[in-house]
Amino acid sequence: MIVELLVVLLALYVGSRYGSLALGAISGIGLAILVFGFGLKPGSPPTDVIYIIIAAVTCAGIMQASGGMDWLIQIAEKMLRKHPDHITFYAPLCTFFLTVLVGTGHVVYTLMPIIVDISIKKGIRPERPCAVASVASQVGITCSPIAAAVVAFTTISASNGFHVTIPQVLMVTIPACLCGLMAAATCSYRRGKDLDKDPEFQKRISDPQVYNYVYGNTATTLDKKIGKDAKLAVYIFLFALLIIVMFAAFQSILPEYSTVKAVKDAANVTLFEGQTLTPDQIAKLGIVMDGVTEASTTKLKMNLVIQIVMISAAALMIIFCKASPKKAVSGAVWQSGMVAVVAIYGIAWLADTYFSNYLSQMQEALGDIVSEYKWSIAFVFFLVSVLINSQGAVVVAMLPLAYSLGLPGPVLLGVLPSVYGYFFIPNYPSDIATVNFDRTGTTVIGKYLLNHSFMMPGLVCVFVSTIIAYFISMAIY
């Protein structure tokens, strides 16, 4: 058991070193070793979550191709330039809500150069808003109605008896994460020295070339002309989100399907065992019923609702907004989403294979601790997230284990913000990109790796968000 756990951890570590698609692909090597080398029974790949990600990023990618993302970034830039003195607070709010809308934190790449530019022009140390804004772009994932982490939480929870809707999850995570972000922004407000008082920065800009590099460039989207098609694409996207939230809040209006299982004939011989047939299908087959069939009624599941609505919205943008599918495929949103698909596919399958084979041992080892201190599962989520650069993958891999340990759903909802821990080791693309965007060099990855600009705001945000979410969830449920 220990040796196989080391195989899992080694696969995750090596994958994180290579990054991008390698995280999911190298997890496949670990899976192969467990299955073919140690003879473990393969777990189940998280197909429902993967389908949702594909649908969501396709819709968001089409919106980006139509120019709709430029309009959202432009709106955010106007607000930031209107309030430059408080950019340390407004920048994370902008990146947070962009992630909430789009379902991926990779929209930060377009906004980060603007945050840097406004900070430099105002004389504010860019590290202050940039670090917390990068953290905020990832924190928003547990607050988005179309993010894999949220949808996976509701789907897995429902199968374990905790029926919580997407709006109910957001009622807990959004206020908690906003409080966490404002706490992180407050701690960052006076962080480090102002640019005019920083001797290292002043020494660098004494070189005319460096000075021109820092102060001679301007990053802005305000000069871009936004057409009607781009705005229409945003309206379609927002309307699709509204429909998803409405169906999630009022699931009684979802279509219902009556099915009959274990069909038997008059001689009490079971036909079509394990299949699901509608009464009309049975009638067409001419089966003589003897009244002992098992009937059930099921509603359309929310994971299918999200997929149908997102794909339909993408199609409407292509037809009415002149969005180019080829441009969407080459865009950052669609490409980062597909990387997330591969990561979740490999990581979650690897983790499920290991944990499903050692479930009883895990229950015995962790059962007493989590039953006494239910909130301690947050540390497990956080530590796993440090290795896995995907909040959706953490939820899919670890939530079934948490339920199997007897933890109640409200507790797990309360600690949901703790699934963001991959800022701890600064190898995530948004963090690396933020360091590169900061022309002043104040946003850094330290000499000792862990002494980086994202550590303090990340720890403060996750700690405060998790505590507040826990109390909100306990108060509601």
Protein backbone atom coordinates (compact mmCIF):
# COMPACT_ATOMS: atom_id res chain seq x y z
CA MET A 1 0.00 0.00 0.00
CA ILE A 2 2.80 2.43 0.89
CA VAL A 3 4.85 1.57 -2.20
CA GLU A 4 1.83 2.12 -4.45
CA LEU A 5 1.11 5.45 -2.73
CA LEU A 6 4.68 6.49 -3.52
CA VAL A 7 4.01 5.60 -7.18
CA VAL A 8 0.97 7.92 -7.13
CA LEU A 9 2.88 10.77 -5.48
CA LEU A 10 5.87 10.34 -7.78
CA ALA A 11 3.64 10.48 -10.87
CA LEU A 12 2.02 13.69 -9.60
CA TYR A 13 5.38 15.24 -8.72
CA VAL A 14 7.01 14.44 -12.06
CA GLY A 15 3.92 15.62 -13.92
CA SER A 16 3.91 18.93 -12.04
CA ARG A 17 7.58 19.44 -12.96
CA TYR A 18 6.77 19.21 -16.67
CA GLY A 19 3.44 21.02 -16.36
CA SER A 20 0.63 21.44 -18.89
CA LEU A 21 -0.50 18.19 -20.56
CA ALA A 22 2.26 16.24 -18.81
CA LEU A 23 0.40 16.28 -15.50
CA GLY A 24 -2.39 14.11 -16.89
CA ALA A 25 -0.21 12.07 -19.24
CA ILE A 26 2.38 11.09 -16.63
CA SER A 27 -0.47 10.16 -14.30
CA GLY A 28 -1.25 7.57 -16.96
CA ILE A 29 2.17 5.99 -16.36
CA GLY A 30 1.37 5.76 -12.66
CA LEU A 31 -1.99 4.21 -13.51
CA ALA A 32 -0.33 1.65 -15.77
CA ILE A 33 2.12 0.68 -13.02
CA LEU A 34 -0.70 0.21 -10.50
CA VAL A 35 -2.87 -1.83 -12.89
CA PHE A 36 -0.30 -3.93 -14.79
CA GLY A 37 2.50 -3.93 -12.24
CA PHE A 38 0.62 -4.33 -8.95
CA GLY A 39 -2.63 -5.79 -10.27
CA LEU A 40 -4.98 -3.17 -8.83
CA LYS A 41 -8.49 -2.97 -10.24
CA PRO A 42 -8.81 0.20 -12.39
CA GLY A 43 -11.02 2.92 -11.01
CA SER A 44 -13.47 4.96 -13.04
CA PRO A 45 -12.41 7.99 -15.10
CA PRO A 46 -14.48 11.11 -14.26
CA THR A 47 -16.34 11.28 -17.57
CA ASP A 48 -19.23 13.47 -16.32
CA VAL A 49 -16.86 16.21 -15.15
CA ILE A 50 -14.81 15.98 -18.34
CA TYR A 51 -17.89 16.41 -20.54
CA ILE A 52 -18.92 19.48 -18.56
CA ILE A 53 -15.46 21.06 -18.92
CA ILE A 54 -15.48 20.42 -22.66
CA ALA A 55 -18.91 22.05 -23.04
CA ALA A 56 -18.04 25.03 -20.83
CA VAL A 57 -14.65 25.83 -22.37
CA THR A 58 -16.06 25.40 -25.87
CA CYS A 59 -18.70 28.02 -25.09
CA ALA A 60 -16.20 30.35 -23.41
CA GLY A 61 -13.70 29.81 -26.23
CA ILE A 62 -16.29 30.72 -28.85
CA MET A 63 -17.14 33.85 -26.86
CA GLN A 64 -13.44 34.77 -26.83
CA ALA A 65 -13.22 34.21 -30.59
CA SER A 66 -16.16 36.56 -31.12
CA GLY A 67 -14.39 39.34 -29.21
CA GLY A 68 -16.65 39.08 -26.20
CA MET A 69 -13.77 38.46 -23.82
CA ASP A 70 -12.13 41.69 -25.00
CA TRP A 71 -15.28 43.57 -24.02
CA LEU A 72 -15.27 42.05 -20.51
CA ILE A 73 -11.58 42.91 -20.10
CA GLN A 74 -12.25 46.44 -21.36
CA ILE A 75 -15.01 46.93 -18.79
CA ALA A 76 -12.66 45.73 -16.05
CA GLU A 77 -9.88 48.04 -17.26
CA LYS A 78 -12.16 51.07 -17.22
CA MET A 79 -13.01 50.40 -13.58
CA LEU A 80 -9.37 49.87 -12.62
CA ARG A 81 -8.18 53.05 -14.32
CA LYS A 82 -11.00 54.99 -12.67
CA HIS A 83 -9.81 53.91 -9.20
CA PRO A 84 -6.00 53.48 -9.48
CA ASP A 85 -5.31 54.28 -5.81
CA HIS A 86 -7.21 51.17 -4.69
CA ILE A 87 -6.01 48.79 -7.39
CA THR A 88 -4.80 46.34 -4.73
CA PHE A 89 -8.48 45.77 -3.86
CA TYR A 90 -10.12 46.23 -7.26
CA ALA A 91 -7.68 44.10 -9.28
CA PRO A 92 -8.46 40.84 -7.43
CA LEU A 93 -12.18 41.61 -7.62
CA CYS A 94 -11.91 41.93 -11.41
CA THR A 95 -9.94 38.71 -11.89
CA PHE A 96 -12.23 36.90 -9.43
CA PHE A 97 -15.47 37.80 -11.19
CA LEU A 98 -14.03 37.13 -14.64
CA THR A 99 -13.22 33.60 -13.46
CA VAL A 100 -16.70 33.24 -11.94
CA LEU A 101 -18.24 34.15 -15.30
CA VAL A 102 -15.99 32.11 -17.58
CA GLY A 103 -15.21 29.15 -15.31
CA THR A 104 -11.43 29.27 -15.83
CA GLY A 105 -8.73 31.39 -14.22
CA HIS A 106 -6.70 31.74 -17.40
CA VAL A 107 -8.52 34.95 -18.35
CA VAL A 108 -6.03 36.67 -16.04
CA TYR A 109 -3.39 36.71 -18.80
CA THR A 110 -5.13 39.54 -20.63
CA LEU A 111 -5.82 41.65 -17.56
CA MET A 112 -2.50 41.27 -15.73
CA PRO A 113 -0.43 43.57 -18.03
CA ILE A 114 -3.07 46.26 -17.46
CA ILE A 115 -2.82 45.84 -13.68
CA VAL A 116 0.95 46.21 -13.92
CA ASP A 117 0.68 49.29 -16.14
CA ILE A 118 -1.78 51.07 -13.83
CA SER A 119 0.37 50.27 -10.78
CA ILE A 120 3.54 51.62 -12.39
CA LYS A 121 1.84 54.81 -13.58
CA LYS A 122 0.52 55.41 -10.05
CA GLY A 123 3.82 54.53 -8.34
CA ILE A 124 2.30 51.53 -6.55
CA ARG A 125 4.47 48.46 -6.07
CA PRO A 126 3.00 46.02 -8.68
CA GLU A 127 3.64 43.02 -6.42
CA ARG A 128 0.77 44.15 -4.19
CA PRO A 129 -2.13 43.92 -6.68
CA CYS A 130 -0.52 41.37 -9.00
CA ALA A 131 0.04 38.61 -6.45
CA VAL A 132 -3.41 38.81 -4.91
CA ALA A 133 -5.04 39.19 -8.36
CA SER A 134 -3.34 35.99 -9.55
CA VAL A 135 -4.60 34.18 -6.43
CA ALA A 136 -8.09 35.63 -6.98
CA SER A 137 -8.22 34.29 -10.53
CA GLN A 138 -7.95 30.75 -9.13
CA VAL A 139 -10.10 31.28 -6.04
CA GLY A 140 -13.03 32.15 -8.32
CA ILE A 141 -13.16 28.55 -9.62
CA THR A 142 -15.06 27.28 -6.56
CA CYS A 143 -17.51 30.16 -7.08
CA SER A 144 -18.35 29.60 -10.77
CA PRO A 145 -21.58 27.82 -11.77
CA ILE A 146 -19.86 26.18 -14.74
CA ALA A 147 -16.52 25.29 -13.13
CA ALA A 148 -15.70 21.59 -12.88
CA ALA A 149 -15.02 21.79 -9.14
CA VAL A 150 -18.51 23.11 -8.36
CA VAL A 151 -20.36 20.77 -10.70
CA ALA A 152 -18.33 17.78 -9.49
CA PHE A 153 -19.10 18.68 -5.89
CA THR A 154 -22.87 18.76 -6.48
CA THR A 155 -22.82 15.56 -8.58
CA ILE A 156 -20.71 13.52 -6.14
CA SER A 157 -22.59 14.91 -3.13
CA ALA A 158 -25.96 13.93 -4.64
CA SER A 159 -24.77 10.35 -5.13
CA ASN A 160 -23.78 10.30 -1.43
CA GLY A 161 -27.08 11.60 -0.10
CA PHE A 162 -26.27 15.32 0.22
CA HIS A 163 -28.54 16.99 -2.33
CA VAL A 164 -27.18 20.50 -2.77
CA THR A 165 -27.74 22.67 -5.83
CA ILE A 166 -25.20 24.85 -7.60
CA PRO A 167 -26.77 28.11 -6.29
CA GLN A 168 -26.64 26.70 -2.75
CA VAL A 169 -22.93 25.98 -3.18
CA LEU A 170 -22.32 29.49 -4.49
CA MET A 171 -24.25 30.98 -1.54
CA VAL A 172 -21.48 29.57 0.65
CA THR A 173 -18.36 29.94 -1.49
CA ILE A 174 -18.85 33.40 -3.04
CA PRO A 175 -19.22 35.44 0.19
CA ALA A 176 -16.55 33.35 1.93
CA CYS A 177 -14.02 33.72 -0.89
CA LEU A 178 -14.70 37.44 -1.25
CA CYS A 179 -13.96 37.89 2.45
CA GLY A 180 -10.78 35.85 2.03
CA LEU A 181 -9.68 37.95 -0.94
CA MET A 182 -10.32 41.24 0.84
CA ALA A 183 -8.31 39.95 3.81
CA ALA A 184 -5.44 39.05 1.47
CA ALA A 185 -5.69 42.44 -0.26
CA THR A 186 -5.61 44.22 3.11
CA CYS A 187 -2.46 42.33 4.07
CA SER A 188 -0.94 43.26 0.68
CA TYR A 189 -1.93 46.94 0.74
CA ARG A 190 1.35 48.15 2.30
CA ARG A 191 3.45 45.15 1.35
CA GLY A 192 7.05 45.93 0.46
CA LYS A 193 8.46 49.36 -0.28
CA ASP A 194 6.92 51.88 -2.64
CA LEU A 195 8.74 52.08 -5.95
CA ASP A 196 10.22 55.50 -5.20
CA LYS A 197 11.60 54.19 -1.88
CA ASP A 198 12.86 50.82 -3.10
CA PRO A 199 16.66 51.09 -3.49
CA GLU A 200 16.93 47.94 -5.62
CA PHE A 201 14.30 49.18 -8.07
CA GLN A 202 15.81 52.66 -8.21
CA LYS A 203 19.19 51.14 -8.95
CA ARG A 204 17.76 49.10 -11.85
CA ILE A 205 15.99 52.02 -13.51
CA SER A 206 19.17 54.12 -13.34
CA ASP A 207 19.99 52.27 -16.56
CA PRO A 208 18.23 54.21 -19.37
CA GLN A 209 17.28 51.02 -21.22
CA VAL A 210 15.67 49.52 -18.13
CA TYR A 211 13.90 52.81 -17.40
CA ASN A 212 12.47 52.89 -20.91
CA TYR A 213 11.38 49.24 -20.61
CA VAL A 214 9.53 49.93 -17.34
CA TYR A 215 8.00 53.32 -18.07
CA GLY A 216 8.05 53.51 -21.86
CA ASN A 217 5.34 50.90 -22.49
CA THR A 218 1.60 51.09 -22.06
CA ALA A 219 -0.71 48.09 -21.93
CA THR A 220 -4.36 48.79 -22.64
CA THR A 221 -7.45 47.38 -24.33
CA LEU A 222 -9.31 50.68 -24.43
CA ASP A 223 -8.16 51.36 -27.99
CA LYS A 224 -9.89 48.19 -29.22
CA LYS A 225 -13.17 48.70 -31.00
CA ILE A 226 -15.83 46.34 -29.68
CA GLY A 227 -18.46 45.41 -32.26
CA LYS A 228 -22.10 44.45 -31.80
CA ASP A 229 -21.31 40.79 -32.44
CA ALA A 230 -18.91 40.68 -29.48
CA LYS A 231 -21.46 42.23 -27.15
CA LEU A 232 -24.18 39.89 -28.38
CA ALA A 233 -21.90 36.92 -27.67
CA VAL A 234 -21.47 38.10 -24.07
CA TYR A 235 -25.24 38.48 -23.68
CA ILE A 236 -25.77 34.95 -25.01
CA PHE A 237 -23.13 33.60 -22.63
CA LEU A 238 -24.64 35.40 -19.63
CA PHE A 239 -28.13 34.23 -20.59
CA ALA A 240 -26.84 30.65 -20.74
CA LEU A 241 -25.41 31.03 -17.23
CA LEU A 242 -28.73 32.41 -16.05
CA ILE A 243 -30.58 29.41 -17.48
CA ILE A 244 -28.19 27.00 -15.76
CA VAL A 245 -28.58 28.74 -12.40
CA MET A 246 -32.38 28.83 -12.83
CA PHE A 247 -32.59 25.10 -13.56
CA ALA A 248 -30.24 24.36 -10.65
CA ALA A 249 -32.35 26.46 -8.27
CA PHE A 250 -35.71 25.13 -9.47
CA GLN A 251 -35.04 21.52 -10.39
CA SER A 252 -38.76 20.72 -10.15
CA ILE A 253 -39.19 22.23 -13.63
CA LEU A 254 -36.68 19.83 -15.21
CA PRO A 255 -38.12 17.15 -17.56
CA GLU A 256 -38.97 13.78 -16.04
CA TYR A 257 -38.55 10.34 -17.56
CA SER A 258 -40.45 7.21 -16.53
CA THR A 259 -38.54 3.99 -17.03
CA VAL A 260 -39.12 0.30 -16.35
CA LYS A 261 -36.25 -1.95 -15.26
CA ALA A 262 -35.88 -5.73 -14.95
CA VAL A 263 -38.57 -6.49 -17.52
CA LYS A 264 -40.25 -9.87 -16.94
CA ASP A 265 -42.66 -11.88 -19.09
CA ALA A 266 -45.74 -13.84 -18.00
CA ALA A 267 -43.58 -16.84 -17.10
CA ASN A 268 -41.64 -14.61 -14.67
CA VAL A 269 -38.48 -14.85 -16.81
CA THR A 270 -36.33 -11.72 -16.54
CA LEU A 271 -35.64 -10.03 -19.87
CA PHE A 272 -33.22 -7.19 -20.61
CA GLU A 273 -31.64 -7.40 -17.15
CA GLY A 274 -29.57 -4.34 -16.28
CA GLN A 275 -31.12 -2.27 -19.08
CA THR A 276 -33.55 0.59 -18.86
CA LEU A 277 -36.55 0.56 -21.17
CA THR A 278 -39.45 2.97 -21.43
CA PRO A 279 -42.98 1.53 -21.35
CA ASP A 280 -43.38 2.44 -25.05
CA GLN A 281 -40.27 0.46 -25.96
CA ILE A 282 -41.61 -2.56 -24.07
CA ALA A 283 -44.96 -2.31 -25.82
CA LYS A 284 -43.27 -2.18 -29.24
CA LEU A 285 -41.36 -5.36 -28.38
CA GLY A 286 -44.66 -7.14 -27.70
CA ILE A 287 -43.64 -8.42 -24.27
CA VAL A 288 -46.48 -9.86 -22.17
CA MET A 289 -46.21 -8.23 -18.75
CA ASP A 290 -47.25 -9.87 -15.49
CA GLY A 291 -47.15 -6.74 -13.32
CA VAL A 292 -43.90 -7.41 -11.48
CA THR A 293 -41.69 -4.95 -13.32
CA GLU A 294 -39.73 -2.27 -11.47
CA ALA A 295 -40.80 1.26 -12.45
CA SER A 296 -38.94 4.47 -11.65
CA THR A 297 -39.10 8.16 -12.51
CA THR A 298 -35.96 10.24 -12.93
CA LYS A 299 -35.33 13.91 -13.65
CA LEU A 300 -32.88 15.27 -16.16
CA LYS A 301 -29.52 15.56 -14.35
CA MET A 302 -27.84 18.94 -13.95
CA ASN A 303 -24.59 17.76 -15.51
CA LEU A 304 -26.53 17.12 -18.73
CA VAL A 305 -28.34 20.45 -18.42
CA ILE A 306 -25.03 22.32 -18.28
CA GLN A 307 -23.69 20.46 -21.29
CA ILE A 308 -26.83 21.05 -23.38
CA VAL A 309 -27.08 24.76 -22.53
CA MET A 310 -23.36 25.48 -23.03
CA ILE A 311 -23.11 23.70 -26.37
CA SER A 312 -26.32 25.38 -27.58
CA ALA A 313 -25.00 28.81 -26.54
CA ALA A 314 -21.75 28.14 -28.41
CA ALA A 315 -23.75 27.26 -31.52
CA LEU A 316 -25.80 30.47 -31.26
CA MET A 317 -22.59 32.53 -31.07
CA ILE A 318 -21.23 30.83 -34.18
CA ILE A 319 -24.45 31.46 -36.12
CA PHE A 320 -25.33 34.98 -34.96
CA CYS A 321 -22.05 36.50 -33.72
CA LYS A 322 -19.70 35.49 -36.55
CA ALA A 323 -17.44 33.64 -34.09
CA SER A 324 -14.77 31.59 -35.84
CA PRO A 325 -14.44 28.00 -34.52
CA LYS A 326 -10.84 27.88 -35.79
CA LYS A 327 -10.01 31.02 -33.84
CA ALA A 328 -11.68 29.57 -30.75
CA VAL A 329 -9.54 26.43 -30.90
CA SER A 330 -6.36 28.52 -31.04
CA GLY A 331 -7.47 30.77 -28.17
CA ALA A 332 -6.06 30.64 -24.64
CA VAL A 333 -9.38 29.78 -22.97
CA TRP A 334 -10.10 26.70 -25.10
CA GLN A 335 -6.52 25.44 -24.99
CA SER A 336 -6.20 25.84 -21.21
CA GLY A 337 -9.55 24.09 -20.81
CA MET A 338 -8.41 21.10 -22.84
CA VAL A 339 -5.24 20.91 -20.75
CA ALA A 340 -7.50 20.79 -17.67
CA VAL A 341 -9.47 17.93 -19.27
CA VAL A 342 -6.33 15.83 -19.72
CA ALA A 343 -5.12 16.68 -16.21
CA ILE A 344 -8.40 15.71 -14.56
CA TYR A 345 -8.69 12.61 -16.74
CA GLY A 346 -5.28 11.26 -15.72
CA ILE A 347 -5.05 12.49 -12.13
CA ALA A 348 -8.58 11.59 -11.02
CA TRP A 349 -8.41 8.15 -12.65
CA LEU A 350 -5.07 7.45 -10.97
CA ALA A 351 -6.33 8.60 -7.56
CA ASP A 352 -9.63 6.71 -7.85
CA THR A 353 -7.76 3.52 -8.74
CA TYR A 354 -5.58 3.78 -5.65
CA PHE A 355 -8.22 4.89 -3.12
CA SER A 356 -10.93 2.49 -4.32
CA ASN A 357 -8.59 -0.45 -3.75
CA TYR A 358 -7.59 0.67 -0.25
CA LEU A 359 -10.83 2.25 0.94
CA SER A 360 -11.17 0.11 4.08
CA GLN A 361 -7.57 0.81 5.10
CA MET A 362 -8.09 4.55 4.54
CA GLN A 363 -11.23 4.48 6.66
CA GLU A 364 -9.36 2.72 9.43
CA ALA A 365 -6.37 5.07 9.29
CA LEU A 366 -8.23 8.38 8.95
CA GLY A 367 -11.64 7.55 10.37
CA ASP A 368 -10.91 8.41 14.02
CA ILE A 369 -9.18 11.68 13.17
CA VAL A 370 -11.84 13.06 10.83
CA SER A 371 -14.70 11.87 13.03
CA GLU A 372 -13.22 13.77 15.98
CA TYR A 373 -12.07 16.81 13.98
CA LYS A 374 -14.27 16.90 10.89
CA TRP A 375 -12.71 20.14 9.64
CA SER A 376 -9.29 18.45 9.43
CA ILE A 377 -10.24 17.08 5.99
CA ALA A 378 -9.47 20.63 4.75
CA PHE A 379 -5.76 19.98 5.32
CA VAL A 380 -5.99 16.80 3.24
CA PHE A 381 -7.68 18.70 0.38
CA PHE A 382 -5.07 21.46 0.57
CA LEU A 383 -2.08 19.11 0.60
CA VAL A 384 -3.41 17.12 -2.35
CA SER A 385 -4.01 20.38 -4.24
CA VAL A 386 -0.37 21.37 -3.71
CA LEU A 387 0.53 18.35 -5.85
CA ILE A 388 -2.42 18.57 -8.25
CA ASN A 389 -2.78 21.80 -10.21
CA SER A 390 -6.52 21.41 -10.61
CA GLN A 391 -9.29 22.09 -8.12
CA GLY A 392 -11.70 20.00 -10.16
CA ALA A 393 -9.31 17.05 -10.02
CA VAL A 394 -8.97 17.40 -6.24
CA VAL A 395 -12.76 17.33 -5.80
CA VAL A 396 -13.22 14.36 -8.12
CA ALA A 397 -10.35 12.41 -6.56
CA MET A 398 -10.83 13.17 -2.86
CA LEU A 399 -14.53 13.93 -2.27
CA PRO A 400 -15.72 10.29 -2.63
CA LEU A 401 -13.06 9.28 -0.09
CA ALA A 402 -14.23 12.01 2.29
CA TYR A 403 -17.84 10.79 2.08
CA SER A 404 -16.72 7.20 2.60
CA LEU A 405 -15.06 8.31 5.85
CA GLY A 406 -18.49 9.35 7.11
CA LEU A 407 -18.05 13.11 6.80
CA PRO A 408 -21.34 15.00 6.39
CA GLY A 409 -22.00 17.05 3.27
CA PRO A 410 -22.30 20.44 5.04
CA VAL A 411 -18.80 20.02 6.47
CA LEU A 412 -17.35 19.20 3.05
CA LEU A 413 -19.15 22.18 1.52
CA GLY A 414 -17.70 24.37 4.26
CA VAL A 415 -14.12 23.32 3.50
CA LEU A 416 -14.51 23.52 -0.30
CA PRO A 417 -12.26 26.63 -0.62
CA SER A 418 -9.35 24.53 0.72
CA VAL A 419 -9.06 22.67 -2.61
CA TYR A 420 -6.93 25.59 -3.87
CA GLY A 421 -3.36 24.98 -2.71
CA TYR A 422 -1.27 24.96 -5.86
CA PHE A 423 -0.04 28.49 -5.26
CA PHE A 424 2.19 26.94 -2.56
CA ILE A 425 4.72 25.76 -5.12
CA PRO A 426 4.84 28.57 -7.73
CA ASN A 427 4.75 26.49 -10.90
CA TYR A 428 1.21 27.28 -12.06
CA PRO A 429 0.99 29.11 -15.42
CA SER A 430 -0.92 32.13 -14.07
CA ASP A 431 1.66 32.72 -11.34
CA ILE A 432 4.61 32.33 -13.71
CA ALA A 433 2.94 34.64 -16.24
CA THR A 434 2.31 37.25 -13.53
CA VAL A 435 6.02 37.27 -12.63
CA ASN A 436 6.90 37.80 -16.30
CA PHE A 437 4.30 40.57 -16.76
CA ASP A 438 5.68 42.64 -13.86
CA ARG A 439 8.25 44.86 -15.61
CA THR A 440 9.50 46.24 -12.28
CA GLY A 441 10.63 42.83 -11.03
CA THR A 442 8.85 43.21 -7.67
CA THR A 443 6.65 40.12 -8.19
CA VAL A 444 9.12 37.29 -7.73
CA ILE A 445 9.73 33.60 -7.17
CA GLY A 446 12.30 33.61 -4.39
CA LYS A 447 15.69 31.99 -4.27
CA TYR A 448 14.37 29.27 -1.96
CA LEU A 449 11.27 28.58 -4.12
CA LEU A 450 8.73 28.92 -1.28
CA ASN A 451 9.59 32.55 -0.46
CA HIS A 452 7.58 33.87 -3.40
CA SER A 453 5.10 36.72 -3.85
CA PHE A 454 2.00 34.49 -3.91
CA MET A 455 2.57 32.65 -0.62
CA MET A 456 1.22 35.26 1.80
CA PRO A 457 -1.95 36.28 -0.10
CA GLY A 458 -2.64 32.64 -0.98
CA LEU A 459 -2.40 31.39 2.61
CA VAL A 460 -4.43 34.30 4.00
CA CYS A 461 -7.15 33.93 1.38
CA VAL A 462 -7.56 30.16 1.68
CA PHE A 463 -7.41 30.22 5.49
CA VAL A 464 -10.00 33.00 5.88
CA SER A 465 -12.24 31.69 3.07
CA THR A 466 -12.34 28.17 4.50
CA ILE A 467 -13.16 29.32 8.03
CA ILE A 468 -15.96 31.63 6.87
CA ALA A 469 -17.35 29.04 4.42
CA TYR A 470 -17.37 26.45 7.21
CA PHE A 471 -19.42 28.67 9.52
CA ILE A 472 -21.80 29.72 6.72
CA SER A 473 -22.40 26.11 5.75
CA MET A 474 -22.95 25.09 9.38
CA ALA A 475 -25.40 27.96 9.87
CA ILE A 476 -27.41 27.06 6.75
CA TYR A 477 -27.40 23.27 7.09
